[in-house]
Structures are given as structure tokens and as C-alpha cells.
Amino acid sequence: MLKKEKLKYPFYVLFHPFDGFYEIRHREKGSVLVALLMVFLFGLSFSINRRYAGFVVNFVNPRSVDTRSEVLGIFAAVFLFACSNWSVTCLMEGEGRFKDILTVIGYSLLPMVLTLIPATVLSWFIASNEEGLYYLVINAAAIFTVILMVIGIMTVHNYSFGKTLITLFISFIALLIIIFIILLLVYLLQQVYMFFYSLYTEIILKL
């Protein structure tokens, strides 16, 4: 069961990111379970925003929104990015462990978690010429999330700011390579399945 201190700690990180992320790496203050909870809440609130945001700012067909698929997709993206960053930083003398990277990503999503639902409610009451306020709130939360993530990666790996940006760029390249390999593997497995299925069908028809 999660302790109250673990649940409160992301809010400490929100206002004291350097100290907060340092203690996650060196004093085990973080929690992977809480980080995964943040990822889930972000995925849920993101999907709710896409489904229920006011028509002034929402250009998505609500019927096309599948909450389960979007939440699973966000979990997959988080895990893949954590894997790519860990693999890159292992080669570049990074000190952060996989669980530290995962915790950084999860905790960094807190501004979006706190903002998406209120922004969705706000979108119900704004007129067509007032959507700038909605986008200001969303973009401010997104920028804050990116800043927290950069600080977190920099702190847990004990990198300089410049090296952090370089490793993040390489991590995105590695992420694309991982996705390409996964898609290629899925395609090859489909081809193997179709071959054996065709072979099985032909044998059955000849019997």
C-alpha cells in the first residue's frame, strides 16, 4: 500500500524539482507505483479532454476516442522512451537507473494531470474568440512538464544542461529505431503466420 508521503512527494518535486529529483536518485524518495499512477491519470485526463472538451477548441470526433487504447498507448510511449533513454545514458555515463527515469517521467506529468480536467471544464464556458485562454493554460502546463522532465533527466544522470539536451535528442532517435524494429518484427511475424496458415489450408484442401 502506498504511503501518504509517497503520494505527496510529486507535489514537493513540482515546487522543488532539483532537490526533489536528487532525492529520488540518491535517497529513494520516489515511487515507481506513484509514477505509474501519474501516467495513468495523465492518460485518463488526456482522453477525457479529447472526448469532452467544448466544441470551440475540440476538433476531434468524440465517438472516435477510445479511452482504453489511448491510456495503453501512453503507457507504451512512456516505457519505450524510458527504455531508449536508459539505453542511451548507459553508453554516456549516466547515473540514473531505469526506475529513476520512469519516476522522472511520471512525476513530470503532474502539471498536465492537474490542468487537463480544469481546462476541459473551462472550454465549456468560453466563446469562439476566447479560446486563447484555454490554449494558454494547456501550453503552460505542457511547457512546465517539459521543463520538469529536462531537470529530472539532468539531475538523476548528473549531466550538464547541454549534455542532457544531447541525450534527449539521441533518446528520441533511439525511440524511433525501437518503434521501427517492433513494427518490423510484427510484420515478419504476420508474414510467417500467413505462410503457415496458407500451408495448412492447402494441406487440408488436398486431403
Protein backbone atom coordinates (compact mmCIF):
# COMPACT_ATOMS: atom_id res chain seq x y z
CA MET A 1 0.00 0.00 0.00
CA LEU A 2 1.28 3.47 -0.90
CA LYS A 3 2.24 5.72 1.99
CA LYS A 4 0.85 9.25 2.21
CA GLU A 5 4.37 10.67 1.99
CA LYS A 6 4.94 8.91 -1.33
CA LEU A 7 1.69 10.31 -2.72
CA LYS A 8 2.58 13.83 -1.58
CA TYR A 9 6.14 13.75 -2.90
CA PRO A 10 5.29 14.60 -6.55
CA PHE A 11 3.90 17.92 -5.28
CA TYR A 12 7.19 18.57 -3.50
CA VAL A 13 9.01 17.85 -6.76
CA LEU A 14 6.66 20.25 -8.53
CA PHE A 15 7.93 23.20 -6.45
CA HIS A 16 11.47 21.95 -5.69
CA PRO A 17 12.47 20.00 -8.81
CA PHE A 18 16.25 19.99 -8.32
CA ASP A 19 16.13 18.83 -4.70
CA GLY A 20 13.18 16.54 -5.38
CA PHE A 21 14.76 14.66 -8.26
CA TYR A 22 18.11 14.50 -6.46
CA GLU A 23 16.46 12.77 -3.51
CA ILE A 24 14.66 10.39 -5.87
CA ARG A 25 18.03 9.22 -7.18
CA HIS A 26 20.14 9.26 -4.02
CA ARG A 27 17.67 8.85 -1.13
CA GLU A 28 14.99 6.62 -2.66
CA LYS A 29 12.26 9.20 -2.07
CA GLY A 30 10.46 8.37 -5.30
CA SER A 31 7.97 5.61 -6.03
CA VAL A 32 7.57 3.79 -9.35
CA LEU A 33 3.97 2.95 -8.41
CA VAL A 34 3.16 6.64 -7.88
CA ALA A 35 4.87 7.46 -11.18
CA LEU A 36 2.76 4.85 -12.97
CA LEU A 37 -0.32 6.29 -11.25
CA MET A 38 0.60 9.70 -12.66
CA VAL A 39 0.97 8.20 -16.14
CA PHE A 40 -2.46 6.57 -15.80
CA LEU A 41 -4.08 9.80 -14.56
CA PHE A 42 -2.47 11.72 -17.40
CA GLY A 43 -3.73 9.20 -19.96
CA LEU A 44 -7.22 9.29 -18.45
CA SER A 45 -7.42 13.08 -18.24
CA PHE A 46 -5.96 13.42 -21.76
CA SER A 47 -8.64 11.11 -23.12
CA ILE A 48 -11.38 12.91 -21.18
CA ASN A 49 -10.15 16.21 -22.59
CA ARG A 50 -10.29 14.86 -26.15
CA ARG A 51 -13.76 13.46 -25.62
CA TYR A 52 -15.46 16.20 -23.59
CA ALA A 53 -13.69 19.49 -24.38
CA GLY A 54 -16.01 22.20 -25.72
CA PHE A 55 -16.68 22.38 -29.44
CA VAL A 56 -14.87 25.74 -29.67
CA VAL A 57 -11.49 24.08 -29.02
CA ASN A 58 -12.21 20.42 -29.76
CA PHE A 59 -11.78 19.27 -33.36
CA VAL A 60 -11.90 15.55 -32.54
CA ASN A 61 -14.96 13.39 -33.10
CA PRO A 62 -15.80 12.25 -29.53
CA ARG A 63 -17.08 8.92 -30.85
CA SER A 64 -13.62 8.13 -32.23
CA VAL A 65 -11.98 8.44 -28.80
CA ASP A 66 -11.16 5.08 -27.21
CA THR A 67 -10.01 5.77 -23.65
CA ARG A 68 -8.51 2.33 -23.04
CA SER A 69 -6.47 2.42 -26.24
CA GLU A 70 -5.20 5.92 -25.53
CA VAL A 71 -4.21 5.10 -21.94
CA LEU A 72 -2.40 1.94 -23.09
CA GLY A 73 -0.74 3.92 -25.87
CA ILE A 74 0.55 6.49 -23.39
CA PHE A 75 1.89 3.74 -21.11
CA ALA A 76 3.65 2.17 -24.10
CA ALA A 77 5.14 5.53 -25.14
CA VAL A 78 6.41 6.18 -21.60
CA PHE A 79 8.01 2.73 -21.29
CA LEU A 80 9.60 2.95 -24.73
CA PHE A 81 11.03 6.41 -24.03
CA ALA A 82 12.33 5.25 -20.64
CA CYS A 83 13.98 2.26 -22.35
CA SER A 84 15.54 4.42 -25.06
CA ASN A 85 16.83 6.99 -22.57
CA TRP A 86 18.23 4.30 -20.28
CA SER A 87 19.99 2.57 -23.17
CA VAL A 88 21.50 5.85 -24.40
CA THR A 89 22.57 7.11 -20.98
CA CYS A 90 24.18 3.77 -20.13
CA LEU A 91 26.58 4.46 -23.00
CA MET A 92 27.08 8.10 -21.96
CA GLU A 93 27.99 7.58 -18.29
CA GLY A 94 24.55 8.38 -16.93
CA GLU A 95 23.99 7.58 -13.27
CA GLY A 96 20.22 7.16 -13.40
CA ARG A 97 18.60 3.74 -13.20
CA PHE A 98 15.62 2.65 -15.29
CA LYS A 99 13.26 3.14 -12.37
CA ASP A 100 14.65 6.65 -11.80
CA ILE A 101 13.92 7.59 -15.42
CA LEU A 102 10.42 6.12 -15.17
CA THR A 103 9.81 8.04 -11.95
CA VAL A 104 11.05 11.29 -13.51
CA ILE A 105 8.68 10.92 -16.47
CA GLY A 106 5.70 10.09 -14.25
CA TYR A 107 6.29 12.91 -11.76
CA SER A 108 6.90 15.39 -14.58
CA LEU A 109 3.39 14.75 -15.90
CA LEU A 110 1.80 16.19 -12.74
CA PRO A 111 1.24 19.70 -14.22
CA MET A 112 -0.74 18.14 -17.08
CA VAL A 113 -2.68 15.92 -14.67
CA LEU A 114 -3.65 18.97 -12.61
CA THR A 115 -4.55 21.07 -15.66
CA LEU A 116 -6.36 18.94 -18.23
CA ILE A 117 -9.65 18.41 -16.37
CA PRO A 118 -10.00 22.09 -15.25
CA ALA A 119 -9.10 23.14 -18.82
CA THR A 120 -11.80 20.81 -20.14
CA VAL A 121 -14.37 22.40 -17.83
CA LEU A 122 -13.11 25.87 -18.83
CA SER A 123 -13.65 25.01 -22.51
CA TRP A 124 -17.40 24.64 -21.88
CA PHE A 125 -17.76 28.30 -20.98
CA ILE A 126 -15.53 30.13 -23.48
CA ALA A 127 -16.74 31.81 -26.65
CA SER A 128 -15.22 31.44 -30.10
CA ASN A 129 -12.94 34.45 -29.61
CA GLU A 130 -11.74 33.38 -26.16
CA GLU A 131 -10.06 30.07 -26.96
CA GLY A 132 -6.65 31.71 -26.40
CA LEU A 133 -7.18 31.39 -22.64
CA TYR A 134 -7.74 27.64 -22.97
CA TYR A 135 -4.62 27.15 -25.10
CA LEU A 136 -2.60 29.34 -22.72
CA VAL A 137 -3.48 27.05 -19.79
CA ILE A 138 -2.75 23.86 -21.74
CA ASN A 139 0.50 25.13 -23.26
CA ALA A 140 1.76 26.49 -19.92
CA ALA A 141 1.21 23.07 -18.31
CA ALA A 142 2.93 21.32 -21.24
CA ILE A 143 5.94 23.64 -21.05
CA PHE A 144 6.16 23.13 -17.27
CA THR A 145 6.07 19.36 -17.84
CA VAL A 146 8.91 19.55 -20.37
CA ILE A 147 10.98 21.72 -18.01
CA LEU A 148 10.46 19.27 -15.14
CA MET A 149 11.43 16.35 -17.36
CA VAL A 150 14.62 18.05 -18.52
CA ILE A 151 15.55 18.94 -14.93
CA GLY A 152 14.76 15.40 -13.80
CA ILE A 153 16.83 13.70 -16.50
CA MET A 154 19.68 16.13 -15.89
CA THR A 155 19.60 15.53 -12.12
CA VAL A 156 19.28 11.74 -11.96
CA HIS A 157 22.04 11.25 -14.55
CA ASN A 158 24.25 14.03 -13.10
CA TYR A 159 24.54 15.70 -16.50
CA SER A 160 25.10 19.27 -17.57
CA PHE A 161 22.23 21.05 -19.33
CA GLY A 162 23.89 20.72 -22.73
CA LYS A 163 24.60 17.01 -22.32
CA THR A 164 21.02 16.48 -21.17
CA LEU A 165 19.64 18.03 -24.36
CA ILE A 166 22.00 15.92 -26.48
CA THR A 167 21.00 12.68 -24.73
CA LEU A 168 17.30 13.56 -25.02
CA PHE A 169 17.71 14.12 -28.75
CA ILE A 170 19.56 10.82 -29.14
CA SER A 171 16.90 9.14 -26.98
CA PHE A 172 14.18 10.27 -29.41
CA ILE A 173 16.22 8.85 -32.30
CA ALA A 174 16.62 5.59 -30.37
CA LEU A 175 12.88 5.61 -29.66
CA LEU A 176 12.13 5.82 -33.38
CA ILE A 177 14.55 2.95 -34.04
CA ILE A 178 12.89 0.80 -31.35
CA ILE A 179 9.43 1.52 -32.80
CA PHE A 180 10.70 0.64 -36.30
CA ILE A 181 12.17 -2.65 -35.06
CA ILE A 182 8.93 -3.53 -33.24
CA LEU A 183 6.84 -2.79 -36.34
CA LEU A 184 9.25 -4.78 -38.49
CA LEU A 185 9.06 -7.71 -36.08
CA VAL A 186 5.25 -7.58 -36.07
CA TYR A 187 5.22 -7.52 -39.87
CA LEU A 188 7.59 -10.51 -40.08
CA LEU A 189 5.50 -12.47 -37.58
CA GLN A 190 2.38 -11.73 -39.63
CA GLN A 191 4.13 -12.98 -42.76
CA VAL A 192 5.23 -16.18 -41.01
CA TYR A 193 1.70 -16.73 -39.71
CA MET A 194 0.20 -16.20 -43.17
CA PHE A 195 2.72 -18.64 -44.69
CA PHE A 196 1.90 -21.42 -42.23
CA TYR A 197 -1.82 -20.69 -42.44
CA SER A 198 -1.71 -20.92 -46.24
CA LEU A 199 0.31 -24.14 -45.98
CA TYR A 200 -2.19 -25.59 -43.50
CA THR A 201 -5.14 -24.59 -45.72
CA GLU A 202 -3.55 -26.16 -48.78
CA ILE A 203 -2.87 -29.41 -46.95
CA ILE A 204 -6.44 -29.57 -45.64
CA LEU A 205 -7.90 -28.99 -49.12
CA LYS A 206 -5.79 -31.77 -50.62
CA LEU A 207 -6.82 -34.32 -48.03
